[in-house]
């Protein structure tokens, strides 16, 4: 159980957005049957109100997570996510030096093996070189990326950056094990360095354009401080 309440970023009578901690599941899942604590349960108990997640972010991803407070709001917002009209930005630490900006539009397979359109834009915010040997290289290089996925495929950011060989640090499924291990041993990393920074959507009843922004959490900031990247300006 979390020791502190979930941080609420936005709330009205229809919607509530939280800053989901890293390593917290959104809801009960058969792939983590041993877990008993979920964002849905915690928020429901905190508000003493029915809630439903409007979208998903990975267990190890922190940041903006939007919930509906009514079934009508839930249906309307989920249609926005399905139509890809919501705008999202993320921050991530990736292996290697990224170009100043770029994009990839390689299709990704869904769970039925069908290729689906997938588009991810990114820009490099900072670069860092560490005097730490990883694999056959005497030094290791990393980039802080701001990422804007234009589609919403499963693990899209993680898979696209793996295709680019700029693996996300802490990604145990699509990442690079030697760099992950180094961050665990040298810096105490126990999550994935991916943060859902902003979410923009149209309010289901007022049609107002709403942007919710999540501040970076302590575990992300701690690793960045240790490797010499100042994230407090982002």
C-alpha atoms as a PDB file:
ATOM      1  CA  UNK A   1       0.000   0.000   0.000  1.00  0.00           C
ATOM      2  CA  UNK A   2       1.225   3.492  -0.831  1.00  0.00           C
ATOM      3  CA  UNK A   3       2.192   5.542   2.201  1.00  0.00           C
ATOM      4  CA  UNK A   4       0.798   8.794   0.748  1.00  0.00           C
ATOM      5  CA  UNK A   5      -2.387   9.583  -1.209  1.00  0.00           C
ATOM      6  CA  UNK A   6      -2.240   9.617  -4.989  1.00  0.00           C
ATOM      7  CA  UNK A   7      -1.350  13.048  -6.356  1.00  0.00           C
ATOM      8  CA  UNK A   8      -4.387  14.560  -8.069  1.00  0.00           C
ATOM      9  CA  UNK A   9      -3.490  16.784 -11.027  1.00  0.00           C
ATOM     10  CA  UNK A  10      -6.985  17.662 -12.265  1.00  0.00           C
ATOM     11  CA  UNK A  11     -10.495  17.063 -10.960  1.00  0.00           C
ATOM     12  CA  UNK A  12     -14.036  18.150 -11.723  1.00  0.00           C
ATOM     13  CA  UNK A  13     -17.397  16.426 -11.398  1.00  0.00           C
ATOM     14  CA  UNK A  14     -16.739  14.230 -14.456  1.00  0.00           C
ATOM     15  CA  UNK A  15     -12.998  13.463 -14.549  1.00  0.00           C
ATOM     16  CA  UNK A  16      -9.949  13.108 -12.341  1.00  0.00           C
ATOM     17  CA  UNK A  17      -6.300  12.799 -13.386  1.00  0.00           C
ATOM     18  CA  UNK A  18      -3.517  11.516 -11.147  1.00  0.00           C
ATOM     19  CA  UNK A  19       0.261  11.378 -11.278  1.00  0.00           C
ATOM     20  CA  UNK A  20       0.623   7.587 -11.267  1.00  0.00           C
ATOM     21  CA  UNK A  21       3.734   6.390  -9.429  1.00  0.00           C
ATOM     22  CA  UNK A  22       6.192   4.135 -11.207  1.00  0.00           C
ATOM     23  CA  UNK A  23       5.692   0.400 -10.499  1.00  0.00           C
ATOM     24  CA  UNK A  24       1.961   0.751  -9.767  1.00  0.00           C
ATOM     25  CA  UNK A  25      -0.482  -1.261 -11.869  1.00  0.00           C
ATOM     26  CA  UNK A  26      -3.485   0.599 -13.256  1.00  0.00           C
ATOM     27  CA  UNK A  27      -5.873  -2.269 -12.478  1.00  0.00           C
ATOM     28  CA  UNK A  28      -5.956  -5.980 -11.731  1.00  0.00           C
ATOM     29  CA  UNK A  29      -4.211  -8.065 -14.377  1.00  0.00           C
ATOM     30  CA  UNK A  30      -3.666 -11.812 -14.905  1.00  0.00           C
ATOM     31  CA  UNK A  31      -0.014 -11.110 -15.754  1.00  0.00           C
ATOM     32  CA  UNK A  32       0.532  -9.858 -12.187  1.00  0.00           C
ATOM     33  CA  UNK A  33      -1.785 -12.083 -10.206  1.00  0.00           C
ATOM     34  CA  UNK A  34       0.293 -11.696  -7.040  1.00  0.00           C
ATOM     35  CA  UNK A  35      -0.321  -7.923  -6.857  1.00  0.00           C
ATOM     36  CA  UNK A  36      -3.028  -6.565  -4.574  1.00  0.00           C
ATOM     37  CA  UNK A  37      -2.579  -2.788  -4.938  1.00  0.00           C
ATOM     38  CA  UNK A  38      -3.784  -0.907  -8.023  1.00  0.00           C
ATOM     39  CA  UNK A  39      -4.274   2.731  -9.026  1.00  0.00           C
ATOM     40  CA  UNK A  40      -7.977   2.132  -9.639  1.00  0.00           C
ATOM     41  CA  UNK A  41      -8.544   0.709  -6.166  1.00  0.00           C
ATOM     42  CA  UNK A  42      -6.439   3.377  -4.439  1.00  0.00           C
ATOM     43  CA  UNK A  43      -8.172   6.257  -6.211  1.00  0.00           C
ATOM     44  CA  UNK A  44     -11.638   4.798  -5.637  1.00  0.00           C
ATOM     45  CA  UNK A  45     -10.940   4.515  -1.915  1.00  0.00           C
ATOM     46  CA  UNK A  46      -9.290   7.946  -1.772  1.00  0.00           C
ATOM     47  CA  UNK A  47     -12.283   9.670  -3.402  1.00  0.00           C
ATOM     48  CA  UNK A  48     -14.920   7.272  -2.088  1.00  0.00           C
ATOM     49  CA  UNK A  49     -16.377   7.285  -5.598  1.00  0.00           C
ATOM     50  CA  UNK A  50     -16.663   4.988  -8.617  1.00  0.00           C
ATOM     51  CA  UNK A  51     -13.805   5.540 -11.069  1.00  0.00           C
ATOM     52  CA  UNK A  52     -12.835   4.014 -14.398  1.00  0.00           C
ATOM     53  CA  UNK A  53      -9.466   4.403 -16.185  1.00  0.00           C
ATOM     54  CA  UNK A  54      -9.939   6.136 -19.548  1.00  0.00           C
ATOM     55  CA  UNK A  55      -6.672   4.720 -20.933  1.00  0.00           C
ATOM     56  CA  UNK A  56      -3.664   2.679 -19.842  1.00  0.00           C
ATOM     57  CA  UNK A  57      -0.036   3.337 -19.098  1.00  0.00           C
ATOM     58  CA  UNK A  58       2.487   0.631 -18.293  1.00  0.00           C
ATOM     59  CA  UNK A  59       3.080  -0.480 -14.739  1.00  0.00           C
ATOM     60  CA  UNK A  60       6.617   0.933 -14.700  1.00  0.00           C
ATOM     61  CA  UNK A  61       5.642   4.195 -16.420  1.00  0.00           C
ATOM     62  CA  UNK A  62       4.842   7.140 -14.174  1.00  0.00           C
ATOM     63  CA  UNK A  63       2.795  10.224 -14.962  1.00  0.00           C
ATOM     64  CA  UNK A  64      -0.608  11.386 -16.158  1.00  0.00           C
ATOM     65  CA  UNK A  65      -3.405   8.838 -15.849  1.00  0.00           C
ATOM     66  CA  UNK A  66      -6.987   9.951 -16.506  1.00  0.00           C
ATOM     67  CA  UNK A  67     -10.073   8.449 -14.865  1.00  0.00           C
ATOM     68  CA  UNK A  68     -13.778   9.037 -15.479  1.00  0.00           C
ATOM     69  CA  UNK A  69     -16.195   9.598 -12.614  1.00  0.00           C
ATOM     70  CA  UNK A  70     -19.249   8.520 -14.612  1.00  0.00           C
ATOM     71  CA  UNK A  71     -19.970   5.923 -17.272  1.00  0.00           C
ATOM     72  CA  UNK A  72     -21.066   8.615 -19.732  1.00  0.00           C
ATOM     73  CA  UNK A  73     -17.790  10.534 -19.372  1.00  0.00           C
ATOM     74  CA  UNK A  74     -15.885   7.255 -19.620  1.00  0.00           C
ATOM     75  CA  UNK A  75     -17.492   6.361 -22.961  1.00  0.00           C
ATOM     76  CA  UNK A  76     -16.877   9.804 -24.491  1.00  0.00           C
ATOM     77  CA  UNK A  77     -13.229  10.051 -23.435  1.00  0.00           C
ATOM     78  CA  UNK A  78     -12.436   6.503 -24.518  1.00  0.00           C
ATOM     79  CA  UNK A  79     -13.748   7.347 -27.990  1.00  0.00           C
ATOM     80  CA  UNK A  80     -11.243  10.206 -28.111  1.00  0.00           C
ATOM     81  CA  UNK A  81      -8.410   7.804 -27.313  1.00  0.00           C
ATOM     82  CA  UNK A  82      -9.683   5.328 -29.901  1.00  0.00           C
ATOM     83  CA  UNK A  83      -9.837   8.052 -32.567  1.00  0.00           C
ATOM     84  CA  UNK A  84      -6.317   9.211 -31.580  1.00  0.00           C
ATOM     85  CA  UNK A  85      -7.505  12.766 -30.978  1.00  0.00           C
ATOM     86  CA  UNK A  86      -5.851  12.976 -27.543  1.00  0.00           C
ATOM     87  CA  UNK A  87      -2.323  14.394 -27.506  1.00  0.00           C
ATOM     88  CA  UNK A  88       0.376  12.889 -25.281  1.00  0.00           C
ATOM     89  CA  UNK A  89       3.983  13.704 -24.494  1.00  0.00           C
ATOM     90  CA  UNK A  90       6.501  11.607 -22.557  1.00  0.00           C
ATOM     91  CA  UNK A  91       9.999  11.969 -21.175  1.00  0.00           C
ATOM     92  CA  UNK A  92      12.420   9.041 -21.362  1.00  0.00           C
ATOM     93  CA  UNK A  93      16.076   8.234 -20.927  1.00  0.00           C
ATOM     94  CA  UNK A  94      17.353   6.193 -23.859  1.00  0.00           C
ATOM     95  CA  UNK A  95      20.643   4.592 -24.841  1.00  0.00           C
ATOM     96  CA  UNK A  96      22.937   6.505 -27.189  1.00  0.00           C
ATOM     97  CA  UNK A  97      22.922  10.015 -28.609  1.00  0.00           C
ATOM     98  CA  UNK A  98      19.679  10.911 -30.362  1.00  0.00           C
ATOM     99  CA  UNK A  99      19.505  13.372 -33.248  1.00  0.00           C
ATOM    100  CA  UNK A 100      18.064  16.755 -32.312  1.00  0.00           C
ATOM    101  CA  UNK A 101      14.684  15.615 -33.562  1.00  0.00           C
ATOM    102  CA  UNK A 102      13.180  12.809 -35.564  1.00  0.00           C
ATOM    103  CA  UNK A 103      10.323  10.402 -36.072  1.00  0.00           C
ATOM    104  CA  UNK A 104       9.628   6.777 -36.885  1.00  0.00           C
ATOM    105  CA  UNK A 105       6.553   5.382 -38.566  1.00  0.00           C
ATOM    106  CA  UNK A 106       7.350   1.696 -38.677  1.00  0.00           C
ATOM    107  CA  UNK A 107       4.148  -0.351 -38.340  1.00  0.00           C
ATOM    108  CA  UNK A 108       3.789  -2.503 -35.222  1.00  0.00           C
ATOM    109  CA  UNK A 109       2.084  -5.861 -34.846  1.00  0.00           C
ATOM    110  CA  UNK A 110      -0.945  -6.094 -32.589  1.00  0.00           C
ATOM    111  CA  UNK A 111      -1.678  -9.116 -30.382  1.00  0.00           C
ATOM    112  CA  UNK A 112      -3.160 -10.914 -33.405  1.00  0.00           C
ATOM    113  CA  UNK A 113      -0.003 -10.456 -35.479  1.00  0.00           C
ATOM    114  CA  UNK A 114      -1.546  -7.805 -37.732  1.00  0.00           C
ATOM    115  CA  UNK A 115       0.614  -4.819 -38.673  1.00  0.00           C
ATOM    116  CA  UNK A 116      -0.886  -1.504 -37.601  1.00  0.00           C
ATOM    117  CA  UNK A 117       0.122   2.066 -38.385  1.00  0.00           C
ATOM    118  CA  UNK A 118       2.338   3.549 -35.655  1.00  0.00           C
ATOM    119  CA  UNK A 119       3.891   7.021 -35.619  1.00  0.00           C
ATOM    120  CA  UNK A 120       6.239   8.431 -32.956  1.00  0.00           C
ATOM    121  CA  UNK A 121       7.897  11.854 -32.980  1.00  0.00           C
ATOM    122  CA  UNK A 122      10.749  12.795 -30.659  1.00  0.00           C
ATOM    123  CA  UNK A 123      13.308  15.459 -29.876  1.00  0.00           C
ATOM    124  CA  UNK A 124      16.504  15.305 -27.852  1.00  0.00           C
ATOM    125  CA  UNK A 125      16.551  17.535 -24.772  1.00  0.00           C
ATOM    126  CA  UNK A 126      19.921  16.635 -23.231  1.00  0.00           C
ATOM    127  CA  UNK A 127      22.815  14.244 -23.743  1.00  0.00           C
ATOM    128  CA  UNK A 128      25.214  12.761 -21.208  1.00  0.00           C
ATOM    129  CA  UNK A 129      28.354  10.613 -21.376  1.00  0.00           C
ATOM    130  CA  UNK A 130      29.347   8.521 -18.362  1.00  0.00           C
ATOM    131  CA  UNK A 131      32.815   7.180 -17.581  1.00  0.00           C
ATOM    132  CA  UNK A 132      31.337   3.724 -17.086  1.00  0.00           C
ATOM    133  CA  UNK A 133      32.178   0.763 -19.280  1.00  0.00           C
ATOM    134  CA  UNK A 134      29.192  -1.122 -20.669  1.00  0.00           C
ATOM    135  CA  UNK A 135      29.747  -4.093 -22.962  1.00  0.00           C
ATOM    136  CA  UNK A 136      32.803  -3.367 -25.148  1.00  0.00           C
ATOM    137  CA  UNK A 137      32.612   0.422 -24.887  1.00  0.00           C
ATOM    138  CA  UNK A 138      34.766   2.286 -22.306  1.00  0.00           C
ATOM    139  CA  UNK A 139      32.141   5.010 -21.891  1.00  0.00           C
ATOM    140  CA  UNK A 140      28.342   5.007 -22.122  1.00  0.00           C
ATOM    141  CA  UNK A 141      26.110   7.617 -23.730  1.00  0.00           C
ATOM    142  CA  UNK A 142      22.461   8.477 -23.087  1.00  0.00           C
ATOM    143  CA  UNK A 143      19.845  10.973 -24.229  1.00  0.00           C
ATOM    144  CA  UNK A 144      16.876  12.542 -22.522  1.00  0.00           C
ATOM    145  CA  UNK A 145      14.045  12.457 -25.054  1.00  0.00           C
ATOM    146  CA  UNK A 146      10.700  14.202 -25.278  1.00  0.00           C
ATOM    147  CA  UNK A 147       8.413  11.828 -27.154  1.00  0.00           C
ATOM    148  CA  UNK A 148       5.061  12.419 -28.831  1.00  0.00           C
ATOM    149  CA  UNK A 149       3.297   9.266 -30.026  1.00  0.00           C
ATOM    150  CA  UNK A 150       0.661  10.080 -32.638  1.00  0.00           C
ATOM    151  CA  UNK A 151      -0.898   6.618 -32.457  1.00  0.00           C
ATOM    152  CA  UNK A 152      -1.549   4.441 -29.420  1.00  0.00           C
ATOM    153  CA  UNK A 153      -0.212   0.954 -30.074  1.00  0.00           C
ATOM    154  CA  UNK A 154       0.715  -1.346 -27.198  1.00  0.00           C
ATOM    155  CA  UNK A 155       4.214  -0.500 -25.888  1.00  0.00           C
ATOM    156  CA  UNK A 156       4.597   1.788 -28.918  1.00  0.00           C
ATOM    157  CA  UNK A 157       7.327   4.023 -27.501  1.00  0.00           C
ATOM    158  CA  UNK A 158       9.305   1.111 -26.096  1.00  0.00           C
ATOM    159  CA  UNK A 159       9.071  -0.910 -29.313  1.00  0.00           C
ATOM    160  CA  UNK A 160       9.831   1.989 -31.640  1.00  0.00           C
ATOM    161  CA  UNK A 161      12.917   3.020 -29.691  1.00  0.00           C
ATOM    162  CA  UNK A 162      14.071  -0.600 -29.577  1.00  0.00           C
ATOM    163  CA  UNK A 163      13.791  -0.678 -33.383  1.00  0.00           C
ATOM    164  CA  UNK A 164      15.941   2.477 -33.480  1.00  0.00           C
ATOM    165  CA  UNK A 165      18.405   0.796 -31.064  1.00  0.00           C
ATOM    166  CA  UNK A 166      17.896   3.664 -28.629  1.00  0.00           C
ATOM    167  CA  UNK A 167      16.530   1.358 -25.938  1.00  0.00           C
ATOM    168  CA  UNK A 168      14.634   2.819 -22.986  1.00  0.00           C
ATOM    169  CA  UNK A 169      16.571   2.454 -19.753  1.00  0.00           C
ATOM    170  CA  UNK A 170      14.828   0.098 -17.359  1.00  0.00           C
ATOM    171  CA  UNK A 171      12.718  -1.590 -20.045  1.00  0.00           C
ATOM    172  CA  UNK A 172      13.050  -5.290 -19.231  1.00  0.00           C
ATOM    173  CA  UNK A 173      10.964  -6.499 -22.205  1.00  0.00           C
ATOM    174  CA  UNK A 174      12.179  -4.440 -25.173  1.00  0.00           C
ATOM    175  CA  UNK A 175      15.303  -2.855 -23.679  1.00  0.00           C
ATOM    176  CA  UNK A 176      18.987  -3.751 -23.452  1.00  0.00           C
ATOM    177  CA  UNK A 177      19.934  -5.882 -20.455  1.00  0.00           C
ATOM    178  CA  UNK A 178      23.549  -4.703 -20.010  1.00  0.00           C
ATOM    179  CA  UNK A 179      22.592  -1.038 -19.708  1.00  0.00           C
ATOM    180  CA  UNK A 180      19.680  -1.898 -17.430  1.00  0.00           C
ATOM    181  CA  UNK A 181      21.972  -3.920 -15.193  1.00  0.00           C
ATOM    182  CA  UNK A 182      24.504  -1.086 -14.998  1.00  0.00           C
ATOM    183  CA  UNK A 183      21.816   1.389 -13.913  1.00  0.00           C
ATOM    184  CA  UNK A 184      20.567  -1.052 -11.307  1.00  0.00           C
ATOM    185  CA  UNK A 185      24.041  -1.715  -9.871  1.00  0.00           C
ATOM    186  CA  UNK A 186      25.508   1.795 -10.103  1.00  0.00           C
ATOM    187  CA  UNK A 187      22.459   3.982  -9.487  1.00  0.00           C
ATOM    188  CA  UNK A 188      19.859   1.800  -7.769  1.00  0.00           C
ATOM    189  CA  UNK A 189      17.337   1.937 -10.619  1.00  0.00           C
ATOM    190  CA  UNK A 190      14.254  -0.180  -9.943  1.00  0.00           C
ATOM    191  CA  UNK A 191      11.825   1.046 -12.585  1.00  0.00           C
ATOM    192  CA  UNK A 192      11.661   2.216 -16.204  1.00  0.00           C
ATOM    193  CA  UNK A 193      12.701   5.762 -17.037  1.00  0.00           C
ATOM    194  CA  UNK A 194       9.539   6.668 -18.920  1.00  0.00           C
ATOM    195  CA  UNK A 195       7.233   9.442 -17.697  1.00  0.00           C
ATOM    196  CA  UNK A 196       3.845  10.460 -19.132  1.00  0.00           C
ATOM    197  CA  UNK A 197       4.376  14.222 -18.988  1.00  0.00           C
ATOM    198  CA  UNK A 198       1.243  15.737 -20.550  1.00  0.00           C
ATOM    199  CA  UNK A 199      -2.187  14.679 -21.781  1.00  0.00           C
ATOM    200  CA  UNK A 200      -4.437  16.956 -23.823  1.00  0.00           C
ATOM    201  CA  UNK A 201      -8.085  16.083 -24.509  1.00  0.00           C
ATOM    202  CA  UNK A 202     -11.455  17.697 -25.161  1.00  0.00           C
ATOM    203  CA  UNK A 203     -13.687  17.873 -22.110  1.00  0.00           C
ATOM    204  CA  UNK A 204     -16.621  15.509 -22.734  1.00  0.00           C
ATOM    205  CA  UNK A 205     -19.294  18.046 -21.754  1.00  0.00           C
ATOM    206  CA  UNK A 206     -17.854  21.562 -22.028  1.00  0.00           C
ATOM    207  CA  UNK A 207     -15.750  20.808 -25.164  1.00  0.00           C
ATOM    208  CA  UNK A 208     -12.956  22.820 -23.546  1.00  0.00           C
ATOM    209  CA  UNK A 209      -9.422  21.745 -24.465  1.00  0.00           C
ATOM    210  CA  UNK A 210      -7.786  20.478 -21.287  1.00  0.00           C
ATOM    211  CA  UNK A 211      -4.050  19.862 -20.812  1.00  0.00           C
ATOM    212  CA  UNK A 212      -2.910  18.009 -17.708  1.00  0.00           C
ATOM    213  CA  UNK A 213       0.791  17.972 -16.818  1.00  0.00           C
ATOM    214  CA  UNK A 214       2.477  15.650 -14.326  1.00  0.00           C
ATOM    215  CA  UNK A 215       5.638  16.697 -12.492  1.00  0.00           C
ATOM    216  CA  UNK A 216       8.475  14.200 -12.508  1.00  0.00           C
ATOM    217  CA  UNK A 217       8.590  11.876  -9.550  1.00  0.00           C
ATOM    218  CA  UNK A 218      11.373  11.426  -7.019  1.00  0.00           C
ATOM    219  CA  UNK A 219      12.701   8.106  -8.343  1.00  0.00           C
ATOM    220  CA  UNK A 220      13.086   9.522 -11.889  1.00  0.00           C
ATOM    221  CA  UNK A 221      14.664  12.749 -10.628  1.00  0.00           C
ATOM    222  CA  UNK A 222      17.049  10.823  -8.371  1.00  0.00           C
ATOM    223  CA  UNK A 223      18.547   8.850 -11.267  1.00  0.00           C
ATOM    224  CA  UNK A 224      18.840  11.965 -13.410  1.00  0.00           C
ATOM    225  CA  UNK A 225      20.652  13.804 -10.613  1.00  0.00           C
ATOM    226  CA  UNK A 226      23.086  10.905 -10.252  1.00  0.00           C
ATOM    227  CA  UNK A 227      24.022  10.937 -13.943  1.00  0.00           C
ATOM    228  CA  UNK A 228      24.210  14.720 -14.241  1.00  0.00           C
ATOM    229  CA  UNK A 229      20.981  15.583 -16.083  1.00  0.00           C
ATOM    230  CA  UNK A 230      18.954  18.450 -14.574  1.00  0.00           C
ATOM    231  CA  UNK A 231      15.316  17.586 -15.159  1.00  0.00           C
ATOM    232  CA  UNK A 232      13.751  20.217 -12.958  1.00  0.00           C
ATOM    233  CA  UNK A 233      13.470  22.614 -15.889  1.00  0.00           C
ATOM    234  CA  UNK A 234      11.272  20.226 -17.885  1.00  0.00           C
END
